[in-house]
Amino acid sequence: MVEKEKPCCAAEALRRIRQVDVGGITVGLAMLDDIIDEVQELHLPTRDAIINELIRRVKVYNYVPPSAEEKYREAIYRKYEEKVKP
C-alpha cells in the first residue's frame, strides 16, 4: 500500500479538485482521486459497499446536498470505474 500525503489544510485539499458531471451539472470534488485509490485498496466485495464508502469519504472533504446525494453516488462511482477499469 502506498502512503498518500494527506492535505495539511483545507486550502491544500482545494488544490486537489476533480471536475465531475453530477446529473448534468459540473461540480468540483476535492480529494476524489485519493479517495478512489484508498477505496480501491479496500477490495470491497460489492458495488453497494464501494459506493457507500466512496460517498462517506467524499463527504469528509465536500458538501453533498441531501437532495442530490443519489446523483453524486452515481457520478462518483462512474469516476471510480473509469479509474479502476481503464
N, C-alpha and C. Protein backbone atom coordinates (compact mmCIF):
# COMPACT_ATOMS: atom_id res chain seq x y z
N MET A 1 0.84 -1.18 0.00
CA MET A 1 0.00 0.00 0.00
C MET A 1 0.89 1.24 0.00
N VAL A 2 0.61 2.16 -0.89
CA VAL A 2 1.36 3.40 -0.99
C VAL A 2 0.75 4.42 -0.04
N GLU A 3 1.56 5.00 0.79
CA GLU A 3 1.09 6.01 1.74
C GLU A 3 0.94 7.33 1.01
N LYS A 4 -0.27 7.85 0.94
CA LYS A 4 -0.53 9.12 0.28
C LYS A 4 -0.40 10.25 1.29
N GLU A 5 0.08 11.36 0.80
CA GLU A 5 0.20 12.53 1.66
C GLU A 5 -1.16 13.19 1.80
N LYS A 6 -1.62 13.32 3.02
CA LYS A 6 -2.90 13.97 3.30
C LYS A 6 -2.69 15.48 3.23
N PRO A 7 -3.73 16.21 2.83
CA PRO A 7 -3.59 17.67 2.78
C PRO A 7 -3.40 18.23 4.19
N CYS A 8 -2.58 19.24 4.27
CA CYS A 8 -2.30 19.84 5.58
C CYS A 8 -3.44 20.72 6.06
N CYS A 9 -4.24 21.20 5.11
CA CYS A 9 -5.31 22.14 5.47
C CYS A 9 -6.35 22.15 4.37
N ALA A 10 -7.41 22.89 4.60
CA ALA A 10 -8.48 22.98 3.61
C ALA A 10 -7.98 23.57 2.29
N ALA A 11 -7.08 24.52 2.37
CA ALA A 11 -6.55 25.14 1.15
C ALA A 11 -5.82 24.11 0.29
N GLU A 12 -5.07 23.24 0.92
CA GLU A 12 -4.36 22.18 0.18
C GLU A 12 -5.36 21.21 -0.44
N ALA A 13 -6.40 20.85 0.28
CA ALA A 13 -7.42 19.95 -0.26
C ALA A 13 -8.09 20.59 -1.48
N LEU A 14 -8.29 21.89 -1.45
CA LEU A 14 -8.92 22.59 -2.57
C LEU A 14 -8.06 22.54 -3.83
N ARG A 15 -6.77 22.39 -3.66
CA ARG A 15 -5.87 22.28 -4.81
C ARG A 15 -6.03 20.93 -5.51
N ARG A 16 -6.69 19.99 -4.86
CA ARG A 16 -6.87 18.64 -5.40
C ARG A 16 -8.32 18.44 -5.85
N ILE A 17 -8.79 19.32 -6.69
CA ILE A 17 -10.18 19.31 -7.15
C ILE A 17 -10.28 18.53 -8.46
N ARG A 18 -11.31 17.71 -8.57
CA ARG A 18 -11.60 16.97 -9.80
C ARG A 18 -13.01 17.34 -10.24
N GLN A 19 -13.17 17.73 -11.50
CA GLN A 19 -14.50 18.08 -12.00
C GLN A 19 -15.26 16.81 -12.36
N VAL A 20 -16.52 16.78 -11.93
CA VAL A 20 -17.37 15.60 -12.13
C VAL A 20 -18.75 16.07 -12.59
N ASP A 21 -19.31 15.38 -13.56
CA ASP A 21 -20.67 15.66 -14.01
C ASP A 21 -21.64 14.95 -13.06
N VAL A 22 -22.40 15.75 -12.34
CA VAL A 22 -23.39 15.21 -11.40
C VAL A 22 -24.77 15.62 -11.90
N GLY A 23 -25.45 14.70 -12.54
CA GLY A 23 -26.80 14.97 -13.05
C GLY A 23 -26.84 16.12 -14.03
N GLY A 24 -25.82 16.24 -14.88
CA GLY A 24 -25.79 17.29 -15.89
C GLY A 24 -25.17 18.59 -15.42
N ILE A 25 -24.72 18.65 -14.19
CA ILE A 25 -24.08 19.84 -13.64
C ILE A 25 -22.65 19.47 -13.27
N THR A 26 -21.69 20.28 -13.71
CA THR A 26 -20.30 20.02 -13.38
C THR A 26 -20.00 20.60 -12.01
N VAL A 27 -19.51 19.72 -11.13
CA VAL A 27 -19.12 20.16 -9.78
C VAL A 27 -17.66 19.78 -9.55
N GLY A 28 -17.02 20.50 -8.67
CA GLY A 28 -15.65 20.18 -8.31
C GLY A 28 -15.65 19.41 -6.99
N LEU A 29 -14.98 18.25 -6.98
CA LEU A 29 -14.89 17.45 -5.76
C LEU A 29 -13.43 17.37 -5.32
N ALA A 30 -13.20 17.80 -4.10
CA ALA A 30 -11.86 17.76 -3.54
C ALA A 30 -11.48 16.34 -3.15
N MET A 31 -10.25 15.97 -3.41
CA MET A 31 -9.63 14.72 -2.95
C MET A 31 -10.19 13.47 -3.62
N LEU A 32 -10.92 13.60 -4.72
CA LEU A 32 -11.58 12.44 -5.31
C LEU A 32 -10.59 11.37 -5.77
N ASP A 33 -9.50 11.76 -6.40
CA ASP A 33 -8.54 10.77 -6.87
C ASP A 33 -7.95 9.97 -5.71
N ASP A 34 -7.60 10.66 -4.64
CA ASP A 34 -7.07 9.98 -3.46
C ASP A 34 -8.12 9.04 -2.85
N ILE A 35 -9.35 9.50 -2.79
CA ILE A 35 -10.44 8.69 -2.23
C ILE A 35 -10.63 7.42 -3.05
N ILE A 36 -10.64 7.56 -4.35
CA ILE A 36 -10.80 6.38 -5.22
C ILE A 36 -9.67 5.39 -4.99
N ASP A 37 -8.44 5.89 -4.91
CA ASP A 37 -7.30 5.00 -4.66
C ASP A 37 -7.44 4.26 -3.33
N GLU A 38 -7.84 4.99 -2.30
CA GLU A 38 -7.99 4.39 -0.97
C GLU A 38 -9.08 3.33 -0.95
N VAL A 39 -10.21 3.62 -1.59
CA VAL A 39 -11.32 2.67 -1.60
C VAL A 39 -10.96 1.44 -2.43
N GLN A 40 -10.26 1.64 -3.52
CA GLN A 40 -9.83 0.50 -4.34
C GLN A 40 -8.97 -0.47 -3.53
N GLU A 41 -8.10 0.07 -2.68
CA GLU A 41 -7.21 -0.75 -1.87
C GLU A 41 -7.96 -1.58 -0.82
N LEU A 42 -9.20 -1.20 -0.53
CA LEU A 42 -10.00 -1.94 0.45
C LEU A 42 -10.55 -3.26 -0.11
N HIS A 43 -10.60 -3.39 -1.44
CA HIS A 43 -11.11 -4.60 -2.10
C HIS A 43 -12.50 -4.97 -1.57
N LEU A 44 -13.38 -3.99 -1.57
CA LEU A 44 -14.74 -4.21 -1.08
C LEU A 44 -15.48 -5.17 -2.01
N PRO A 45 -16.35 -6.01 -1.45
CA PRO A 45 -16.93 -7.11 -2.23
C PRO A 45 -18.07 -6.74 -3.18
N THR A 46 -18.78 -5.66 -2.90
CA THR A 46 -19.96 -5.36 -3.73
C THR A 46 -19.94 -3.92 -4.21
N ARG A 47 -20.71 -3.69 -5.27
CA ARG A 47 -20.86 -2.34 -5.82
C ARG A 47 -21.42 -1.40 -4.75
N ASP A 48 -22.44 -1.85 -4.02
CA ASP A 48 -23.04 -1.00 -2.98
C ASP A 48 -22.04 -0.65 -1.89
N ALA A 49 -21.23 -1.60 -1.48
CA ALA A 49 -20.22 -1.33 -0.45
C ALA A 49 -19.22 -0.30 -0.94
N ILE A 50 -18.84 -0.40 -2.21
CA ILE A 50 -17.90 0.56 -2.79
C ILE A 50 -18.53 1.95 -2.83
N ILE A 51 -19.74 2.04 -3.31
CA ILE A 51 -20.43 3.33 -3.41
C ILE A 51 -20.60 3.95 -2.02
N ASN A 52 -21.01 3.15 -1.04
CA ASN A 52 -21.20 3.68 0.32
C ASN A 52 -19.90 4.23 0.88
N GLU A 53 -18.81 3.54 0.65
CA GLU A 53 -17.52 4.01 1.17
C GLU A 53 -17.05 5.25 0.41
N LEU A 54 -17.24 5.27 -0.90
CA LEU A 54 -16.87 6.45 -1.68
C LEU A 54 -17.60 7.68 -1.19
N ILE A 55 -18.93 7.60 -1.05
CA ILE A 55 -19.70 8.77 -0.66
C ILE A 55 -19.37 9.19 0.77
N ARG A 56 -19.12 8.22 1.65
CA ARG A 56 -18.75 8.55 3.02
C ARG A 56 -17.47 9.38 3.03
N ARG A 57 -16.50 8.95 2.26
CA ARG A 57 -15.22 9.66 2.23
C ARG A 57 -15.31 11.00 1.48
N VAL A 58 -16.10 11.04 0.42
CA VAL A 58 -16.26 12.30 -0.31
C VAL A 58 -16.86 13.36 0.60
N LYS A 59 -17.79 12.97 1.46
CA LYS A 59 -18.44 13.93 2.37
C LYS A 59 -17.48 14.50 3.41
N VAL A 60 -16.36 13.87 3.62
CA VAL A 60 -15.36 14.41 4.56
C VAL A 60 -14.81 15.74 4.03
N TYR A 61 -14.62 15.83 2.72
CA TYR A 61 -13.99 17.00 2.10
C TYR A 61 -14.95 17.88 1.31
N ASN A 62 -16.17 17.41 1.07
CA ASN A 62 -17.10 18.10 0.18
C ASN A 62 -18.50 18.13 0.76
N TYR A 63 -19.23 19.18 0.42
CA TYR A 63 -20.65 19.23 0.77
C TYR A 63 -21.44 18.48 -0.30
N VAL A 64 -22.26 17.56 0.12
CA VAL A 64 -23.15 16.82 -0.79
C VAL A 64 -24.57 17.13 -0.37
N PRO A 65 -25.32 17.88 -1.20
CA PRO A 65 -26.69 18.21 -0.83
C PRO A 65 -27.53 16.94 -0.71
N PRO A 66 -28.27 16.80 0.38
CA PRO A 66 -29.08 15.60 0.57
C PRO A 66 -30.01 15.31 -0.61
N SER A 67 -30.55 16.34 -1.21
CA SER A 67 -31.49 16.16 -2.32
C SER A 67 -30.80 15.63 -3.58
N ALA A 68 -29.48 15.73 -3.66
CA ALA A 68 -28.74 15.29 -4.85
C ALA A 68 -27.81 14.11 -4.54
N GLU A 69 -27.91 13.55 -3.34
CA GLU A 69 -26.95 12.51 -2.96
C GLU A 69 -26.95 11.31 -3.91
N GLU A 70 -28.11 10.90 -4.37
CA GLU A 70 -28.14 9.74 -5.28
C GLU A 70 -27.39 10.05 -6.58
N LYS A 71 -27.54 11.25 -7.08
CA LYS A 71 -26.81 11.64 -8.30
C LYS A 71 -25.30 11.69 -8.04
N TYR A 72 -24.91 12.16 -6.87
CA TYR A 72 -23.49 12.17 -6.50
C TYR A 72 -22.96 10.74 -6.42
N ARG A 73 -23.73 9.86 -5.81
CA ARG A 73 -23.31 8.47 -5.67
C ARG A 73 -23.04 7.85 -7.04
N GLU A 74 -23.95 8.08 -7.98
CA GLU A 74 -23.80 7.53 -9.33
C GLU A 74 -22.59 8.14 -10.04
N ALA A 75 -22.42 9.45 -9.93
CA ALA A 75 -21.33 10.14 -10.61
C ALA A 75 -19.97 9.72 -10.04
N ILE A 76 -19.89 9.61 -8.74
CA ILE A 76 -18.63 9.22 -8.10
C ILE A 76 -18.27 7.78 -8.46
N TYR A 77 -19.27 6.92 -8.51
CA TYR A 77 -19.00 5.54 -8.88
C TYR A 77 -18.54 5.44 -10.34
N ARG A 78 -19.10 6.26 -11.24
CA ARG A 78 -18.63 6.29 -12.63
C ARG A 78 -17.15 6.65 -12.68
N LYS A 79 -16.75 7.65 -11.90
CA LYS A 79 -15.33 8.05 -11.87
C LYS A 79 -14.48 6.93 -11.31
N TYR A 80 -14.98 6.24 -10.32
CA TYR A 80 -14.28 5.09 -9.73
C TYR A 80 -14.04 4.04 -10.82
N GLU A 81 -15.08 3.69 -11.55
CA GLU A 81 -14.95 2.68 -12.61
C GLU A 81 -13.99 3.13 -13.70
N GLU A 82 -14.04 4.39 -14.07
CA GLU A 82 -13.12 4.92 -15.09
C GLU A 82 -11.67 4.76 -14.66
N LYS A 83 -11.41 5.03 -13.41
CA LYS A 83 -10.04 4.96 -12.92
C LYS A 83 -9.58 3.53 -12.67
N VAL A 84 -10.47 2.70 -12.16
CA VAL A 84 -10.12 1.32 -11.80
C VAL A 84 -10.09 0.43 -13.04
N LYS A 85 -11.02 0.64 -13.95
CA LYS A 85 -11.12 -0.19 -15.16
C LYS A 85 -10.93 0.67 -16.40
N PRO A 86 -9.70 1.06 -16.69
CA PRO A 86 -9.46 1.95 -17.84
C PRO A 86 -9.77 1.32 -19.19
